[in-house]
Amino acid sequence: MAGMVKGAVIGGVVGAAAALLLAPKPGREMRQDLMAAYNKSMDKSKEWASTAGTKTQELASKVGQQASDIISQTKSAMTNAKDGINAAKDDISASLQESHKPN
């Protein structure tokens, strides 16, 4: 996406410059037109960069929240598994103790 944006900006600047250079105008007027085209391109580039930055921050926030949720779920699953293992261990120990008791 960044390559496409960069290409569009460069293409727009080159196209505007070529159109201005090939049009018969006095030097001062041509410089003004070039400067106006340059400023317009820069404004558009800044707008796109700002939008990309905002979207990147939103995406990073979502990814961070999802990672936090996954970590929480994993910790919960590990705790449940540990509790289950301990309960099974206690049951096995109790069963072994009962089996070793004389009748």
N, C-alpha and C. Protein backbone atom coordinates (compact mmCIF):
# COMPACT_ATOMS: atom_id res chain seq x y z
N MET A 1 0.83 -1.19 0.00
CA MET A 1 0.00 0.00 0.00
C MET A 1 0.87 1.24 0.00
N ALA A 2 1.94 1.23 0.79
CA ALA A 2 2.83 2.39 0.85
C ALA A 2 3.47 2.64 -0.51
N GLY A 3 3.82 1.56 -1.21
CA GLY A 3 4.41 1.70 -2.53
C GLY A 3 3.44 2.31 -3.53
N MET A 4 2.16 1.93 -3.38
CA MET A 4 1.15 2.48 -4.28
C MET A 4 0.95 3.97 -4.01
N VAL A 5 0.91 4.34 -2.75
CA VAL A 5 0.73 5.75 -2.38
C VAL A 5 1.93 6.56 -2.88
N LYS A 6 3.11 6.02 -2.64
CA LYS A 6 4.33 6.71 -3.07
C LYS A 6 4.34 6.87 -4.59
N GLY A 7 3.95 5.82 -5.29
CA GLY A 7 3.90 5.88 -6.76
C GLY A 7 2.89 6.89 -7.26
N ALA A 8 1.73 6.96 -6.58
CA ALA A 8 0.69 7.92 -6.98
C ALA A 8 1.16 9.35 -6.77
N VAL A 9 1.83 9.59 -5.65
CA VAL A 9 2.32 10.95 -5.37
C VAL A 9 3.40 11.34 -6.37
N ILE A 10 4.35 10.44 -6.58
CA ILE A 10 5.43 10.74 -7.54
C ILE A 10 4.86 10.92 -8.94
N GLY A 11 3.93 10.05 -9.34
CA GLY A 11 3.31 10.18 -10.66
C GLY A 11 2.56 11.48 -10.82
N GLY A 12 1.85 11.88 -9.76
CA GLY A 12 1.12 13.14 -9.82
C GLY A 12 2.05 14.33 -9.95
N VAL A 13 3.14 14.31 -9.20
CA VAL A 13 4.10 15.41 -9.26
C VAL A 13 4.78 15.46 -10.63
N VAL A 14 5.19 14.31 -11.12
CA VAL A 14 5.86 14.27 -12.43
C VAL A 14 4.90 14.71 -13.53
N GLY A 15 3.65 14.24 -13.47
CA GLY A 15 2.66 14.62 -14.49
C GLY A 15 2.36 16.11 -14.45
N ALA A 16 2.22 16.64 -13.24
CA ALA A 16 1.94 18.08 -13.12
C ALA A 16 3.13 18.89 -13.62
N ALA A 17 4.32 18.47 -13.25
CA ALA A 17 5.53 19.19 -13.68
C ALA A 17 5.67 19.13 -15.20
N ALA A 18 5.41 17.98 -15.79
CA ALA A 18 5.53 17.85 -17.26
C ALA A 18 4.49 18.74 -17.94
N ALA A 19 3.28 18.76 -17.43
CA ALA A 19 2.24 19.60 -18.04
C ALA A 19 2.61 21.07 -17.94
N LEU A 20 3.15 21.46 -16.81
CA LEU A 20 3.52 22.86 -16.63
C LEU A 20 4.73 23.25 -17.48
N LEU A 21 5.67 22.33 -17.59
CA LEU A 21 6.87 22.63 -18.36
C LEU A 21 6.59 22.68 -19.87
N LEU A 22 5.62 21.91 -20.30
CA LEU A 22 5.32 21.88 -21.73
C LEU A 22 4.34 22.97 -22.16
N ALA A 23 3.70 23.59 -21.21
CA ALA A 23 2.76 24.67 -21.53
C ALA A 23 3.54 25.98 -21.73
N PRO A 24 3.19 26.78 -22.72
CA PRO A 24 3.92 28.03 -22.95
C PRO A 24 3.48 29.11 -21.94
N LYS A 25 4.32 29.31 -20.90
CA LYS A 25 4.05 30.32 -19.89
C LYS A 25 5.35 31.05 -19.57
N PRO A 26 5.23 32.25 -19.04
CA PRO A 26 6.44 32.95 -18.59
C PRO A 26 7.04 32.24 -17.38
N GLY A 27 8.32 32.45 -17.13
CA GLY A 27 9.05 31.78 -16.05
C GLY A 27 8.42 31.97 -14.67
N ARG A 28 8.04 33.21 -14.35
CA ARG A 28 7.47 33.49 -13.03
C ARG A 28 6.16 32.72 -12.83
N GLU A 29 5.31 32.74 -13.84
CA GLU A 29 4.03 32.05 -13.74
C GLU A 29 4.24 30.53 -13.64
N MET A 30 5.22 30.02 -14.40
CA MET A 30 5.51 28.60 -14.36
C MET A 30 6.02 28.19 -12.98
N ARG A 31 6.88 29.00 -12.37
CA ARG A 31 7.39 28.70 -11.04
C ARG A 31 6.26 28.70 -10.02
N GLN A 32 5.35 29.63 -10.15
CA GLN A 32 4.20 29.68 -9.24
C GLN A 32 3.33 28.43 -9.40
N ASP A 33 3.11 28.04 -10.65
CA ASP A 33 2.30 26.83 -10.89
C ASP A 33 3.00 25.58 -10.34
N LEU A 34 4.31 25.51 -10.55
CA LEU A 34 5.07 24.37 -10.02
C LEU A 34 5.00 24.33 -8.50
N MET A 35 5.14 25.50 -7.87
CA MET A 35 5.09 25.57 -6.41
C MET A 35 3.70 25.17 -5.91
N ALA A 36 2.66 25.62 -6.61
CA ALA A 36 1.29 25.26 -6.21
C ALA A 36 1.08 23.75 -6.33
N ALA A 37 1.56 23.16 -7.41
CA ALA A 37 1.42 21.72 -7.61
C ALA A 37 2.21 20.96 -6.54
N TYR A 38 3.40 21.44 -6.24
CA TYR A 38 4.23 20.82 -5.20
C TYR A 38 3.53 20.90 -3.84
N ASN A 39 3.01 22.07 -3.48
CA ASN A 39 2.32 22.23 -2.20
C ASN A 39 1.09 21.34 -2.10
N LYS A 40 0.34 21.24 -3.21
CA LYS A 40 -0.84 20.39 -3.22
C LYS A 40 -0.44 18.92 -3.00
N SER A 41 0.61 18.50 -3.67
CA SER A 41 1.09 17.12 -3.52
C SER A 41 1.58 16.86 -2.09
N MET A 42 2.27 17.81 -1.52
CA MET A 42 2.77 17.65 -0.15
C MET A 42 1.61 17.59 0.84
N ASP A 43 0.60 18.42 0.64
CA ASP A 43 -0.56 18.39 1.53
C ASP A 43 -1.26 17.03 1.46
N LYS A 44 -1.41 16.52 0.25
CA LYS A 44 -2.07 15.22 0.07
C LYS A 44 -1.22 14.12 0.70
N SER A 45 0.09 14.19 0.55
CA SER A 45 0.98 13.19 1.14
C SER A 45 0.88 13.22 2.66
N LYS A 46 0.84 14.42 3.23
CA LYS A 46 0.73 14.54 4.69
C LYS A 46 -0.61 13.98 5.17
N GLU A 47 -1.65 14.22 4.41
CA GLU A 47 -2.97 13.70 4.77
C GLU A 47 -2.96 12.17 4.76
N TRP A 48 -2.37 11.58 3.71
CA TRP A 48 -2.30 10.13 3.62
C TRP A 48 -1.43 9.56 4.74
N ALA A 49 -0.32 10.22 5.04
CA ALA A 49 0.56 9.75 6.11
C ALA A 49 -0.16 9.80 7.46
N SER A 50 -0.91 10.85 7.69
CA SER A 50 -1.67 10.98 8.93
C SER A 50 -2.71 9.88 9.04
N THR A 51 -3.43 9.62 7.96
CA THR A 51 -4.43 8.57 7.94
C THR A 51 -3.78 7.20 8.19
N ALA A 52 -2.66 6.96 7.53
CA ALA A 52 -1.96 5.69 7.71
C ALA A 52 -1.48 5.54 9.16
N GLY A 53 -0.98 6.62 9.75
CA GLY A 53 -0.54 6.58 11.15
C GLY A 53 -1.68 6.27 12.09
N THR A 54 -2.83 6.89 11.86
CA THR A 54 -4.00 6.65 12.71
C THR A 54 -4.45 5.20 12.60
N LYS A 55 -4.53 4.71 11.37
CA LYS A 55 -4.97 3.33 11.17
C LYS A 55 -3.97 2.35 11.77
N THR A 56 -2.68 2.66 11.69
CA THR A 56 -1.66 1.81 12.27
C THR A 56 -1.81 1.76 13.79
N GLN A 57 -2.07 2.91 14.42
CA GLN A 57 -2.27 2.94 15.87
C GLN A 57 -3.51 2.14 16.26
N GLU A 58 -4.58 2.26 15.51
CA GLU A 58 -5.79 1.50 15.80
C GLU A 58 -5.53 0.00 15.70
N LEU A 59 -4.82 -0.40 14.65
CA LEU A 59 -4.50 -1.80 14.45
C LEU A 59 -3.61 -2.33 15.57
N ALA A 60 -2.61 -1.53 15.95
CA ALA A 60 -1.72 -1.94 17.04
C ALA A 60 -2.48 -2.10 18.34
N SER A 61 -3.42 -1.22 18.59
CA SER A 61 -4.24 -1.31 19.80
C SER A 61 -5.09 -2.59 19.78
N LYS A 62 -5.70 -2.88 18.64
CA LYS A 62 -6.52 -4.10 18.54
C LYS A 62 -5.66 -5.35 18.74
N VAL A 63 -4.50 -5.37 18.11
CA VAL A 63 -3.61 -6.53 18.23
C VAL A 63 -3.16 -6.69 19.69
N GLY A 64 -2.83 -5.58 20.33
CA GLY A 64 -2.42 -5.63 21.73
C GLY A 64 -3.53 -6.16 22.62
N GLN A 65 -4.76 -5.73 22.38
CA GLN A 65 -5.89 -6.20 23.19
C GLN A 65 -6.13 -7.69 22.96
N GLN A 66 -6.05 -8.11 21.70
CA GLN A 66 -6.24 -9.54 21.40
C GLN A 66 -5.15 -10.38 22.03
N ALA A 67 -3.92 -9.89 21.99
CA ALA A 67 -2.82 -10.62 22.62
C ALA A 67 -3.04 -10.72 24.13
N SER A 68 -3.49 -9.65 24.73
CA SER A 68 -3.79 -9.66 26.17
C SER A 68 -4.89 -10.66 26.49
N ASP A 69 -5.93 -10.71 25.66
CA ASP A 69 -7.02 -11.67 25.85
C ASP A 69 -6.52 -13.10 25.74
N ILE A 70 -5.67 -13.36 24.76
CA ILE A 70 -5.13 -14.71 24.55
C ILE A 70 -4.27 -15.11 25.75
N ILE A 71 -3.46 -14.19 26.25
CA ILE A 71 -2.62 -14.48 27.41
C ILE A 71 -3.50 -14.81 28.61
N SER A 72 -4.55 -14.04 28.81
CA SER A 72 -5.47 -14.29 29.93
C SER A 72 -6.13 -15.65 29.80
N GLN A 73 -6.58 -15.99 28.61
CA GLN A 73 -7.22 -17.29 28.38
C GLN A 73 -6.23 -18.43 28.60
N THR A 74 -5.00 -18.24 28.16
CA THR A 74 -3.98 -19.26 28.33
C THR A 74 -3.67 -19.47 29.81
N LYS A 75 -3.56 -18.39 30.56
CA LYS A 75 -3.30 -18.51 32.00
C LYS A 75 -4.44 -19.25 32.69
N SER A 76 -5.66 -18.91 32.31
CA SER A 76 -6.83 -19.57 32.89
C SER A 76 -6.83 -21.06 32.56
N ALA A 77 -6.53 -21.41 31.32
CA ALA A 77 -6.49 -22.81 30.91
C ALA A 77 -5.40 -23.57 31.65
N MET A 78 -4.25 -22.91 31.83
CA MET A 78 -3.15 -23.55 32.56
C MET A 78 -3.52 -23.78 34.02
N THR A 79 -4.19 -22.81 34.63
CA THR A 79 -4.63 -22.96 36.02
C THR A 79 -5.63 -24.10 36.14
N ASN A 80 -6.58 -24.15 35.20
CA ASN A 80 -7.56 -25.24 35.22
C ASN A 80 -6.90 -26.60 35.03
N ALA A 81 -5.93 -26.67 34.12
CA ALA A 81 -5.22 -27.93 33.89
C ALA A 81 -4.43 -28.33 35.13
N LYS A 82 -3.78 -27.38 35.76
CA LYS A 82 -3.01 -27.66 36.97
C LYS A 82 -3.92 -28.16 38.08
N ASP A 83 -5.07 -27.51 38.24
CA ASP A 83 -6.04 -27.94 39.26
C ASP A 83 -6.54 -29.36 38.96
N GLY A 84 -6.82 -29.63 37.71
CA GLY A 84 -7.27 -30.97 37.31
C GLY A 84 -6.21 -32.03 37.57
N ILE A 85 -4.97 -31.71 37.27
CA ILE A 85 -3.87 -32.65 37.51
C ILE A 85 -3.71 -32.90 39.00
N ASN A 86 -3.77 -31.83 39.79
CA ASN A 86 -3.65 -32.00 41.24
C ASN A 86 -4.80 -32.83 41.80
N ALA A 87 -6.02 -32.62 41.31
CA ALA A 87 -7.16 -33.40 41.77
C ALA A 87 -6.99 -34.86 41.39
N ALA A 88 -6.52 -35.13 40.16
CA ALA A 88 -6.29 -36.50 39.72
C ALA A 88 -5.20 -37.15 40.56
N LYS A 89 -4.16 -36.39 40.85
CA LYS A 89 -3.06 -36.91 41.68
C LYS A 89 -3.57 -37.29 43.07
N ASP A 90 -4.41 -36.43 43.64
CA ASP A 90 -4.98 -36.71 44.96
C ASP A 90 -5.87 -37.95 44.92
N ASP A 91 -6.66 -38.09 43.86
CA ASP A 91 -7.53 -39.27 43.72
C ASP A 91 -6.70 -40.54 43.59
N ILE A 92 -5.64 -40.48 42.82
CA ILE A 92 -4.77 -41.65 42.64
C ILE A 92 -4.09 -42.00 43.96
N SER A 93 -3.62 -41.01 44.67
CA SER A 93 -2.97 -41.25 45.96
C SER A 93 -3.96 -41.89 46.93
N ALA A 94 -5.18 -41.36 46.96
CA ALA A 94 -6.19 -41.92 47.86
C ALA A 94 -6.52 -43.36 47.47
N SER A 95 -6.62 -43.61 46.18
CA SER A 95 -6.92 -44.97 45.71
C SER A 95 -5.79 -45.93 46.07
N LEU A 96 -4.57 -45.48 45.92
CA LEU A 96 -3.41 -46.34 46.26
C LEU A 96 -3.38 -46.62 47.76
N GLN A 97 -3.69 -45.62 48.54
CA GLN A 97 -3.68 -45.82 50.00
C GLN A 97 -4.77 -46.80 50.40
N GLU A 98 -5.92 -46.71 49.79
CA GLU A 98 -7.03 -47.63 50.10
C GLU A 98 -6.69 -49.05 49.65
N SER A 99 -6.01 -49.18 48.53
CA SER A 99 -5.68 -50.51 48.03
C SER A 99 -4.61 -51.19 48.88
N HIS A 100 -3.82 -50.41 49.60
CA HIS A 100 -2.77 -50.98 50.45
C HIS A 100 -3.26 -51.26 51.87
N LYS A 101 -4.48 -50.88 52.21
CA LYS A 101 -5.03 -51.15 53.53
C LYS A 101 -5.41 -52.63 53.64
N PRO A 102 -5.13 -53.20 54.77
CA PRO A 102 -5.56 -54.61 54.95
C PRO A 102 -7.08 -54.68 55.10
N ASN A 103 -7.68 -55.70 54.59
CA ASN A 103 -9.14 -55.88 54.66
C ASN A 103 -9.54 -56.45 55.95
